[in-house]
Amino acid sequence: MAVQKSSFSRALKPNPLNQHAIEMLVCILISISVLIASVKKNSFFQNLKFNVVSISKPFIFSIAKPFEIFNNSLLYFKELSNAYEENKILKDENRMYKNLLNEKNFYEIENFRLKKILELRYQDYSKKLVGRILIDPYSRPNSSLIIDLGKNDGVRINDIVFNENGMIGRIEEIGESSSKVLTLLNENSVIPVISKETKKSFFVQGSLDKLILKHLEKPGELLNGELIYTSDAAGYFKEGIIVGKVFKGEKQISILPIAKDSDSIYVSVLIFDFKNVIDW
């Protein structure tokens, strides 16, 4: 005997379509319930909301943390790249300003010398020769140099040897076509100098890596970083050639030479004739 099923029974018969409809109905009912509870500010649902947020917070942070680290890493490398470029630009600017400062100091010396020329008689009193360093013992910075200028070029004992940065030393021995230069840092080198700002006259002596002060009563009155120039106090030096700058250390005040023999393979020799100079 056949059993007839009602349409209601057939509607409740499980199949994929009915299951989907039931799920949708449940979701809609839950959503409506949550919406009503949210509007009425039901304490249960508020607590549920905060609990869900609290529980999911570590999980959300754990997911977001790698992205945050990755993003921060990108920003760091970008800033590092920008810093490298800025540092390169600043180095170039610093090098440019240093060259301008050296050029300014050199022109200041030349200007000082030219002013003195206007006070001299008509006779030629000086000339500048350009020579090349033949022997330069870099391992011994307080030793001597050999240059390719000698008697045949008019070089004489105590003529000043310098480059674009300042004084390197003075002629100590002369050959026919070469000369020996006693560098500033040699312990046997003693030259008269004058400070630019405080106008103090004294002597400096070589001491391996710096120049020590000689015959100066109050060295503390010198200004830190003040430029020091040659003077004619000894009677055989041309004044106005830059020697170095004042360095005030914790225990000692010294002069740091500005010019180095390693600056260039070329040097200049100033030949000065004191017999043709009017008393200044």
Protein backbone atom coordinates (compact mmCIF):
# COMPACT_ATOMS: atom_id res chain seq x y z
CA MET A 1 0.00 0.00 0.00
CA ALA A 2 1.52 3.32 -1.04
CA VAL A 3 2.05 6.02 1.57
CA GLN A 4 1.39 9.54 0.44
CA LYS A 5 3.64 12.29 1.83
CA SER A 6 2.39 15.76 2.39
CA SER A 7 4.03 18.74 0.77
CA PHE A 8 5.23 19.91 4.20
CA SER A 9 7.05 16.63 4.73
CA ARG A 10 8.62 16.93 1.33
CA ALA A 11 9.71 20.49 2.15
CA LEU A 12 11.48 19.30 5.28
CA LYS A 13 13.20 16.50 3.47
CA PRO A 14 16.95 17.20 3.71
CA ASN A 15 18.54 18.24 0.47
CA PRO A 16 21.24 20.79 -0.40
CA LEU A 17 18.71 23.46 -1.30
CA ASN A 18 16.70 23.11 1.92
CA GLN A 19 19.89 23.05 4.01
CA HIS A 20 21.06 26.28 2.40
CA ALA A 21 17.69 27.91 3.04
CA ILE A 22 17.78 26.91 6.71
CA GLU A 23 21.30 28.33 7.11
CA MET A 24 20.25 31.60 5.51
CA LEU A 25 17.20 31.78 7.77
CA VAL A 26 19.31 31.20 10.88
CA CYS A 27 21.83 33.86 9.84
CA ILE A 28 19.05 36.35 9.15
CA LEU A 29 17.44 35.68 12.53
CA ILE A 30 20.78 36.06 14.33
CA SER A 31 21.53 39.27 12.45
CA ILE A 32 18.12 40.71 13.28
CA SER A 33 18.58 39.72 16.93
CA VAL A 34 22.01 41.33 17.10
CA LEU A 35 20.71 44.46 15.39
CA ILE A 36 17.77 44.79 17.79
CA ALA A 37 20.02 44.16 20.78
CA SER A 38 22.54 46.72 19.51
CA VAL A 39 19.85 49.35 19.04
CA LYS A 40 18.48 48.70 22.53
CA LYS A 41 22.05 48.51 23.92
CA ASN A 42 21.57 45.13 25.48
CA SER A 43 24.32 44.54 28.04
CA PHE A 44 24.76 40.89 27.05
CA PHE A 45 25.52 41.74 23.46
CA GLN A 46 27.74 44.65 24.45
CA ASN A 47 29.77 42.34 26.67
CA LEU A 48 29.82 39.80 23.89
CA LYS A 49 31.11 42.40 21.45
CA PHE A 50 33.89 43.49 23.77
CA ASN A 51 34.81 39.90 24.57
CA VAL A 52 35.03 39.07 20.88
CA VAL A 53 37.25 42.10 20.33
CA SER A 54 39.46 41.19 23.31
CA ILE A 55 39.78 37.58 22.24
CA SER A 56 40.51 38.41 18.61
CA LYS A 57 42.93 41.25 19.42
CA PRO A 58 46.05 39.05 19.88
CA PHE A 59 45.19 37.13 16.74
CA ILE A 60 44.74 40.35 14.75
CA PHE A 61 48.01 41.74 16.15
CA SER A 62 49.85 38.52 15.33
CA ILE A 63 48.66 38.83 11.74
CA ALA A 64 49.37 42.56 11.50
CA LYS A 65 52.81 42.41 13.16
CA PRO A 66 54.69 40.86 10.20
CA PHE A 67 53.19 43.44 7.86
CA GLU A 68 54.16 46.21 10.29
CA ILE A 69 57.72 44.89 10.50
CA PHE A 70 57.92 44.60 6.74
CA ASN A 71 56.57 48.13 6.28
CA ASN A 72 58.97 49.53 8.91
CA SER A 73 61.84 47.71 7.20
CA LEU A 74 60.95 49.31 3.88
CA LEU A 75 60.77 52.73 5.54
CA TYR A 76 64.12 52.11 7.29
CA PHE A 77 65.92 51.14 4.10
CA LYS A 78 64.34 54.08 2.30
CA GLU A 79 65.52 56.46 5.04
CA LEU A 80 68.93 54.77 5.01
CA SER A 81 69.18 55.30 1.27
CA ASN A 82 68.12 58.93 1.66
CA ALA A 83 70.65 59.39 4.47
CA TYR A 84 73.39 57.94 2.28
CA GLU A 85 72.53 60.33 -0.53
CA GLU A 86 72.33 63.29 1.86
CA ASN A 87 75.65 62.28 3.44
CA LYS A 88 77.24 62.11 0.00
CA ILE A 89 75.89 65.57 -0.84
CA LEU A 90 77.12 66.96 2.50
CA LYS A 91 80.58 65.45 1.94
CA ASP A 92 80.76 67.06 -1.48
CA GLU A 93 79.65 70.40 -0.03
CA ASN A 94 82.13 70.06 2.84
CA ARG A 95 84.93 69.33 0.37
CA MET A 96 83.89 72.31 -1.73
CA TYR A 97 83.75 74.66 1.28
CA LYS A 98 87.10 73.36 2.50
CA ASN A 99 88.65 74.12 -0.87
CA LEU A 100 87.05 77.56 -0.82
CA LEU A 101 88.39 78.17 2.69
CA ASN A 102 91.88 77.07 1.68
CA GLU A 103 91.65 79.27 -1.38
CA LYS A 104 90.48 82.18 0.79
CA ASN A 105 93.39 81.70 3.19
CA PHE A 106 95.81 81.48 0.29
CA TYR A 107 94.41 84.66 -1.27
CA GLU A 108 94.57 86.35 2.11
CA ILE A 109 98.24 85.51 2.32
CA GLU A 110 98.82 86.68 -1.23
CA ASN A 111 96.90 89.88 -0.52
CA PHE A 112 99.00 90.48 2.57
CA ARG A 113 102.15 89.89 0.56
CA LEU A 114 101.00 92.16 -2.27
CA LYS A 115 100.27 94.95 0.18
CA LYS A 116 103.84 94.68 1.37
CA ILE A 117 105.07 94.76 -2.22
CA LEU A 118 103.58 98.22 -2.60
CA GLU A 119 105.81 99.38 0.25
CA LEU A 120 109.03 98.10 -1.37
CA ARG A 121 111.51 99.71 -3.71
CA TYR A 122 111.41 99.07 -7.44
CA GLN A 123 113.98 96.24 -7.36
CA ASP A 124 112.72 92.71 -7.76
CA TYR A 125 112.81 91.26 -4.29
CA SER A 126 111.15 87.89 -4.63
CA LYS A 127 109.96 85.22 -7.00
CA LYS A 128 108.13 81.96 -6.69
CA LEU A 129 109.45 78.74 -8.17
CA VAL A 130 107.44 75.58 -8.69
CA GLY A 131 109.19 72.29 -8.05
CA ARG A 132 108.48 68.61 -7.69
CA ILE A 133 109.05 66.34 -4.70
CA LEU A 134 111.63 63.70 -5.61
CA ILE A 135 111.97 61.81 -2.34
CA ASP A 136 109.23 61.86 0.26
CA PRO A 137 109.61 59.42 3.18
CA TYR A 138 105.94 59.13 4.16
CA SER A 139 106.77 56.69 6.93
CA ARG A 140 108.72 59.42 8.73
CA PRO A 141 106.58 62.56 8.73
CA ASN A 142 109.15 64.49 10.76
CA SER A 143 112.01 63.87 8.32
CA SER A 144 113.07 65.79 5.21
CA LEU A 145 112.12 66.08 1.54
CA ILE A 146 114.15 66.32 -1.63
CA ILE A 147 112.89 68.63 -4.40
CA ASP A 148 114.14 69.20 -7.95
CA LEU A 149 115.18 72.83 -7.44
CA GLY A 150 118.71 73.91 -6.57
CA LYS A 151 121.41 76.52 -7.04
CA ASN A 152 120.85 76.62 -10.78
CA ASP A 153 117.30 77.80 -10.09
CA GLY A 154 118.34 80.45 -7.57
CA VAL A 155 117.29 78.55 -4.45
CA ARG A 156 119.01 79.54 -1.20
CA ILE A 157 119.21 78.31 2.37
CA ASN A 158 116.08 79.04 4.48
CA ASP A 159 113.85 79.77 1.47
CA ILE A 160 110.28 78.83 2.38
CA VAL A 161 108.71 75.76 0.74
CA PHE A 162 104.91 75.68 0.64
CA ASN A 163 101.84 74.54 -1.30
CA GLU A 164 98.32 75.89 -1.72
CA ASN A 165 97.50 75.01 1.91
CA GLY A 166 100.49 76.67 3.56
CA MET A 167 104.10 76.18 4.63
CA ILE A 168 105.68 72.72 4.42
CA GLY A 169 109.23 73.55 5.48
CA ARG A 170 112.37 75.44 4.51
CA ILE A 171 115.46 74.77 2.43
CA GLU A 172 118.16 73.15 4.56
CA GLU A 173 120.75 71.98 2.02
CA ILE A 174 121.32 72.94 -1.61
CA GLY A 175 122.72 71.04 -4.56
CA GLU A 176 123.16 72.15 -8.14
CA SER A 177 119.74 70.90 -9.27
CA SER A 178 118.09 69.64 -6.09
CA SER A 179 117.61 70.70 -2.49
CA LYS A 180 116.83 69.18 0.87
CA VAL A 181 113.77 70.55 2.66
CA LEU A 182 113.55 70.53 6.45
CA THR A 183 109.86 69.93 7.19
CA LEU A 184 107.92 71.81 9.86
CA LEU A 185 107.48 68.67 11.96
CA ASN A 186 111.20 67.96 12.15
CA GLU A 187 112.46 68.54 15.69
CA ASN A 188 115.30 70.66 14.28
CA SER A 189 112.80 73.01 12.65
CA VAL A 190 112.26 76.25 14.56
CA ILE A 191 110.52 79.15 12.82
CA PRO A 192 109.17 82.55 13.90
CA VAL A 193 105.41 82.99 13.66
CA ILE A 194 102.63 85.41 14.52
CA SER A 195 98.99 84.71 15.43
CA LYS A 196 96.36 86.24 13.19
CA GLU A 197 93.80 87.39 15.78
CA THR A 198 95.76 87.95 18.99
CA LYS A 199 98.87 89.28 17.16
CA LYS A 200 101.28 87.34 19.38
CA SER A 201 104.80 86.70 18.10
CA PHE A 202 106.62 83.53 19.13
CA PHE A 203 108.46 80.51 17.73
CA VAL A 204 107.26 76.99 16.94
CA GLN A 205 109.34 73.82 16.93
CA GLY A 206 108.59 70.51 15.23
CA SER A 207 107.51 67.59 17.39
CA LEU A 208 106.56 64.56 15.24
CA ASP A 209 102.85 65.31 14.69
CA LYS A 210 102.47 68.89 15.95
CA LEU A 211 104.34 72.11 16.59
CA ILE A 212 105.17 73.13 20.15
CA LEU A 213 105.25 76.73 21.33
CA LYS A 214 108.53 78.43 22.16
CA HIS A 215 109.19 81.79 23.85
CA LEU A 216 105.56 82.70 24.52
CA GLU A 217 104.74 83.96 28.01
CA LYS A 218 100.95 83.56 27.98
CA PRO A 219 100.01 80.83 25.51
CA GLY A 220 96.54 80.59 27.05
CA GLU A 221 95.64 83.91 25.42
CA LEU A 222 95.79 82.31 21.98
CA LEU A 223 92.40 81.51 20.49
CA ASN A 224 91.50 77.92 19.70
CA GLY A 225 91.53 77.44 15.92
CA GLU A 226 93.37 80.73 15.35
CA LEU A 227 95.56 80.79 12.24
CA ILE A 228 99.31 81.11 12.59
CA TYR A 229 101.54 82.74 9.93
CA THR A 230 105.28 83.10 9.39
CA SER A 231 106.88 86.33 10.58
CA ASP A 232 110.15 88.08 9.75
CA ALA A 233 111.32 88.16 13.39
CA ALA A 234 114.38 86.02 12.63
CA GLY A 235 115.39 88.23 9.70
CA TYR A 236 115.46 85.51 7.06
CA PHE A 237 111.82 84.44 6.70
CA LYS A 238 109.16 85.97 4.50
CA GLU A 239 106.13 86.79 6.62
CA GLY A 240 102.52 85.99 5.79
CA ILE A 241 102.78 82.29 4.86
CA ILE A 242 100.25 80.20 6.74
CA VAL A 243 101.78 77.63 9.11
CA GLY A 244 98.88 76.07 11.00
CA LYS A 245 96.17 76.67 13.54
CA VAL A 246 96.04 76.71 17.33
CA PHE A 247 94.85 73.55 19.06
CA LYS A 248 94.02 73.80 22.76
CA GLY A 249 94.17 70.33 24.27
CA GLU A 250 93.44 69.34 27.85
CA LYS A 251 97.08 69.46 28.91
CA GLN A 252 98.91 71.34 26.17
CA ILE A 253 98.47 74.07 23.60
CA SER A 254 100.07 73.29 20.26
CA ILE A 255 99.97 74.26 16.59
CA LEU A 256 98.66 71.80 14.01
CA PRO A 257 100.17 72.30 10.55
CA ILE A 258 97.62 72.71 7.76
CA ALA A 259 99.77 71.90 4.74
CA LYS A 260 101.09 68.37 4.23
CA ASP A 261 103.75 67.13 1.87
CA SER A 262 101.26 64.46 0.77
CA ASP A 263 98.82 67.12 -0.52
CA SER A 264 100.58 67.24 -3.87
CA ILE A 265 103.79 66.18 -5.58
CA TYR A 266 104.36 69.83 -6.49
CA VAL A 267 105.55 72.55 -4.14
CA SER A 268 106.47 76.21 -4.40
CA VAL A 269 109.65 77.87 -3.20
CA LEU A 270 109.57 81.55 -2.29
CA ILE A 271 112.88 83.25 -3.01
CA PHE A 272 113.05 86.49 -1.05
CA ASP A 273 115.75 89.14 -1.23
CA PHE A 274 115.88 90.97 2.08
CA LYS A 275 118.55 93.38 0.88
CA ASN A 276 115.99 95.14 -1.31
CA VAL A 277 113.37 95.55 1.40
CA ILE A 278 112.62 98.80 3.17
CA ASP A 279 112.26 98.50 6.93
CA TRP A 280 108.62 97.77 7.72
